[in-house]
Amino acid sequence: MQSLIERYRYSSTSGQAQVEAGTCNQHQEMLTEIAMMKQEYNLQRIKLRFMYGESEILNMTLDELQAFEKYLEEWIYNIRSRKQMHMMEQEIQLLKNKVSQPTLQLKD
């Protein structure tokens, strides 16, 4: 009977340790996620500042300049992609119009 009680106490205390360890891991994960979200927020805030011209390039740090350069490259890529898609759609529409128009046959 005594051994049964000791096993119960051991299992209940190790269970509490596991719960506390799990809580500690969740807390650490949340802190990590919060830090990542703060970093993303700061990056987005910097992007907005430069989009609206509220900041001077001379006051930027190297990391801010690199982040801004990456943002501009992505922006240019998206614009070029949209323009290319628009041109392709126009070309497709033009070809469809040519196919749907009856061809005129000249009589000799």
C-alpha atoms as a PDB file:
ATOM      1  CA  MET A   1       0.000   0.000   0.000  1.00  0.00           C
ATOM      2  CA  GLN A   2       2.846   2.346   0.884  1.00  0.00           C
ATOM      3  CA  SER A   3       4.484   1.746  -2.509  1.00  0.00           C
ATOM      4  CA  LEU A   4       1.203   2.580  -4.244  1.00  0.00           C
ATOM      5  CA  ILE A   5       1.019   5.909  -2.413  1.00  0.00           C
ATOM      6  CA  GLU A   6       4.638   6.676  -3.269  1.00  0.00           C
ATOM      7  CA  ARG A   7       4.032   5.948  -6.968  1.00  0.00           C
ATOM      8  CA  TYR A   8       0.990   8.203  -6.896  1.00  0.00           C
ATOM      9  CA  ARG A   9       2.965  11.057  -5.318  1.00  0.00           C
ATOM     10  CA  TYR A  10       5.808  10.569  -7.796  1.00  0.00           C
ATOM     11  CA  SER A  11       3.497  10.551 -10.805  1.00  0.00           C
ATOM     12  CA  SER A  12       1.528  13.569  -9.598  1.00  0.00           C
ATOM     13  CA  THR A  13       4.669  15.626  -8.951  1.00  0.00           C
ATOM     14  CA  SER A  14       6.228  14.662 -12.303  1.00  0.00           C
ATOM     15  CA  GLY A  15       2.909  15.507 -13.971  1.00  0.00           C
ATOM     16  CA  GLN A  16       3.029  18.963 -12.412  1.00  0.00           C
ATOM     17  CA  ALA A  17       6.587  19.401 -13.646  1.00  0.00           C
ATOM     18  CA  GLN A  18       5.489  18.461 -17.163  1.00  0.00           C
ATOM     19  CA  VAL A  19       2.598  20.938 -17.017  1.00  0.00           C
ATOM     20  CA  GLU A  20       4.919  23.661 -15.767  1.00  0.00           C
ATOM     21  CA  ALA A  21       7.466  22.838 -18.477  1.00  0.00           C
ATOM     22  CA  GLY A  22       4.715  22.929 -21.104  1.00  0.00           C
ATOM     23  CA  THR A  23       3.523  26.284 -19.797  1.00  0.00           C
ATOM     24  CA  CYS A  24       7.092  27.585 -19.875  1.00  0.00           C
ATOM     25  CA  ASN A  25       7.509  26.405 -23.499  1.00  0.00           C
ATOM     26  CA  GLN A  26       4.243  28.059 -24.517  1.00  0.00           C
ATOM     27  CA  HIS A  27       5.311  31.265 -22.818  1.00  0.00           C
ATOM     28  CA  GLN A  28       8.675  31.210 -24.615  1.00  0.00           C
ATOM     29  CA  GLU A  29       6.979  30.543 -27.973  1.00  0.00           C
ATOM     30  CA  MET A  30       4.627  33.449 -27.381  1.00  0.00           C
ATOM     31  CA  LEU A  31       7.528  35.759 -26.546  1.00  0.00           C
ATOM     32  CA  THR A  32       9.319  34.682 -29.716  1.00  0.00           C
ATOM     33  CA  GLU A  33       6.205  35.281 -31.804  1.00  0.00           C
ATOM     34  CA  ILE A  34       5.693  38.698 -30.214  1.00  0.00           C
ATOM     35  CA  ALA A  35       9.281  39.654 -31.042  1.00  0.00           C
ATOM     36  CA  MET A  36       8.799  38.551 -34.659  1.00  0.00           C
ATOM     37  CA  MET A  37       5.565  40.525 -34.920  1.00  0.00           C
ATOM     38  CA  LYS A  38       7.247  43.643 -33.506  1.00  0.00           C
ATOM     39  CA  GLN A  39      10.015  43.306 -36.077  1.00  0.00           C
ATOM     40  CA  GLU A  40       7.474  42.913 -38.896  1.00  0.00           C
ATOM     41  CA  TYR A  41       5.510  45.908 -37.579  1.00  0.00           C
ATOM     42  CA  ASN A  42       8.628  48.079 -37.540  1.00  0.00           C
ATOM     43  CA  LEU A  43       9.512  47.031 -41.068  1.00  0.00           C
ATOM     44  CA  GLN A  44       6.007  47.858 -42.317  1.00  0.00           C
ATOM     45  CA  ARG A  45       6.106  51.211 -40.513  1.00  0.00           C
ATOM     46  CA  ILE A  46       9.426  52.024 -42.197  1.00  0.00           C
ATOM     47  CA  LYS A  47       7.988  51.077 -45.602  1.00  0.00           C
ATOM     48  CA  LEU A  48       5.030  53.381 -45.067  1.00  0.00           C
ATOM     49  CA  ARG A  49       7.281  56.232 -43.984  1.00  0.00           C
ATOM     50  CA  PHE A  50       9.265  55.993 -47.186  1.00  0.00           C
ATOM     51  CA  MET A  51       6.227  55.509 -49.385  1.00  0.00           C
ATOM     52  CA  TYR A  52       4.810  58.786 -48.125  1.00  0.00           C
ATOM     53  CA  GLY A  53       8.190  60.530 -48.213  1.00  0.00           C
ATOM     54  CA  GLU A  54       8.241  61.198 -44.487  1.00  0.00           C
ATOM     55  CA  SER A  55      11.833  60.121 -44.019  1.00  0.00           C
ATOM     56  CA  GLU A  56      15.114  61.035 -45.584  1.00  0.00           C
ATOM     57  CA  ILE A  57      17.434  58.428 -46.979  1.00  0.00           C
ATOM     58  CA  LEU A  58      20.390  60.074 -45.261  1.00  0.00           C
ATOM     59  CA  ASN A  59      18.972  59.157 -41.850  1.00  0.00           C
ATOM     60  CA  MET A  60      18.484  55.487 -42.677  1.00  0.00           C
ATOM     61  CA  THR A  61      20.522  52.690 -41.182  1.00  0.00           C
ATOM     62  CA  LEU A  62      22.063  50.016 -43.375  1.00  0.00           C
ATOM     63  CA  ASP A  63      19.359  47.507 -42.387  1.00  0.00           C
ATOM     64  CA  GLU A  64      16.629  50.013 -43.227  1.00  0.00           C
ATOM     65  CA  LEU A  65      18.240  50.724 -46.598  1.00  0.00           C
ATOM     66  CA  GLN A  66      18.468  47.029 -47.405  1.00  0.00           C
ATOM     67  CA  ALA A  67      14.861  46.459 -46.342  1.00  0.00           C
ATOM     68  CA  PHE A  68      13.726  49.412 -48.428  1.00  0.00           C
ATOM     69  CA  GLU A  69      15.723  48.183 -51.430  1.00  0.00           C
ATOM     70  CA  LYS A  70      14.111  44.751 -51.141  1.00  0.00           C
ATOM     71  CA  TYR A  71      10.674  46.368 -50.912  1.00  0.00           C
ATOM     72  CA  LEU A  72      11.334  48.446 -54.045  1.00  0.00           C
ATOM     73  CA  GLU A  73      12.546  45.404 -55.969  1.00  0.00           C
ATOM     74  CA  GLU A  74       9.392  43.484 -55.025  1.00  0.00           C
ATOM     75  CA  TRP A  75       7.260  46.479 -55.980  1.00  0.00           C
ATOM     76  CA  ILE A  76       8.911  46.787 -59.403  1.00  0.00           C
ATOM     77  CA  TYR A  77       8.593  43.031 -59.985  1.00  0.00           C
ATOM     78  CA  ASN A  78       4.857  43.170 -59.205  1.00  0.00           C
ATOM     79  CA  ILE A  79       4.313  46.136 -61.507  1.00  0.00           C
ATOM     80  CA  ARG A  80       6.169  44.470 -64.372  1.00  0.00           C
ATOM     81  CA  SER A  81       4.240  41.242 -63.855  1.00  0.00           C
ATOM     82  CA  ARG A  82       0.904  43.047 -63.929  1.00  0.00           C
ATOM     83  CA  LYS A  83       1.886  44.981 -67.046  1.00  0.00           C
ATOM     84  CA  GLN A  84       3.041  41.804 -68.787  1.00  0.00           C
ATOM     85  CA  MET A  85      -0.224  40.032 -67.891  1.00  0.00           C
ATOM     86  CA  HIS A  86      -2.219  43.005 -69.169  1.00  0.00           C
ATOM     87  CA  MET A  87      -0.309  42.981 -72.462  1.00  0.00           C
ATOM     88  CA  MET A  88      -0.834  39.232 -72.839  1.00  0.00           C
ATOM     89  CA  GLU A  89      -4.563  39.619 -72.206  1.00  0.00           C
ATOM     90  CA  GLN A  90      -4.743  42.336 -74.853  1.00  0.00           C
ATOM     91  CA  GLU A  91      -2.870  40.141 -77.322  1.00  0.00           C
ATOM     92  CA  ILE A  92      -5.188  37.200 -76.618  1.00  0.00           C
ATOM     93  CA  GLN A  93      -8.229  39.403 -77.095  1.00  0.00           C
ATOM     94  CA  LEU A  94      -6.825  40.705 -80.377  1.00  0.00           C
ATOM     95  CA  LEU A  95      -6.236  37.164 -81.636  1.00  0.00           C
ATOM     96  CA  LYS A  96      -9.739  36.120 -80.576  1.00  0.00           C
ATOM     97  CA  ASN A  97     -11.174  39.058 -82.493  1.00  0.00           C
ATOM     98  CA  LYS A  98      -9.208  38.071 -85.592  1.00  0.00           C
ATOM     99  CA  VAL A  99     -10.461  34.502 -85.388  1.00  0.00           C
ATOM    100  CA  SER A 100     -14.072  35.492 -84.873  1.00  0.00           C
ATOM    101  CA  GLN A 101     -14.152  37.940 -87.801  1.00  0.00           C
ATOM    102  CA  PRO A 102     -15.086  36.329 -91.065  1.00  0.00           C
ATOM    103  CA  THR A 103     -12.419  36.554 -93.674  1.00  0.00           C
ATOM    104  CA  LEU A 104     -13.321  38.405 -96.811  1.00  0.00           C
ATOM    105  CA  GLN A 105     -12.802  36.464 -99.971  1.00  0.00           C
ATOM    106  CA  LEU A 106     -11.960  38.421-103.014  1.00  0.00           C
ATOM    107  CA  LYS A 107     -13.698  37.478-106.214  1.00  0.00           C
ATOM    108  CA  ASP A 108     -11.652  37.451-109.368  1.00  0.00           C
END
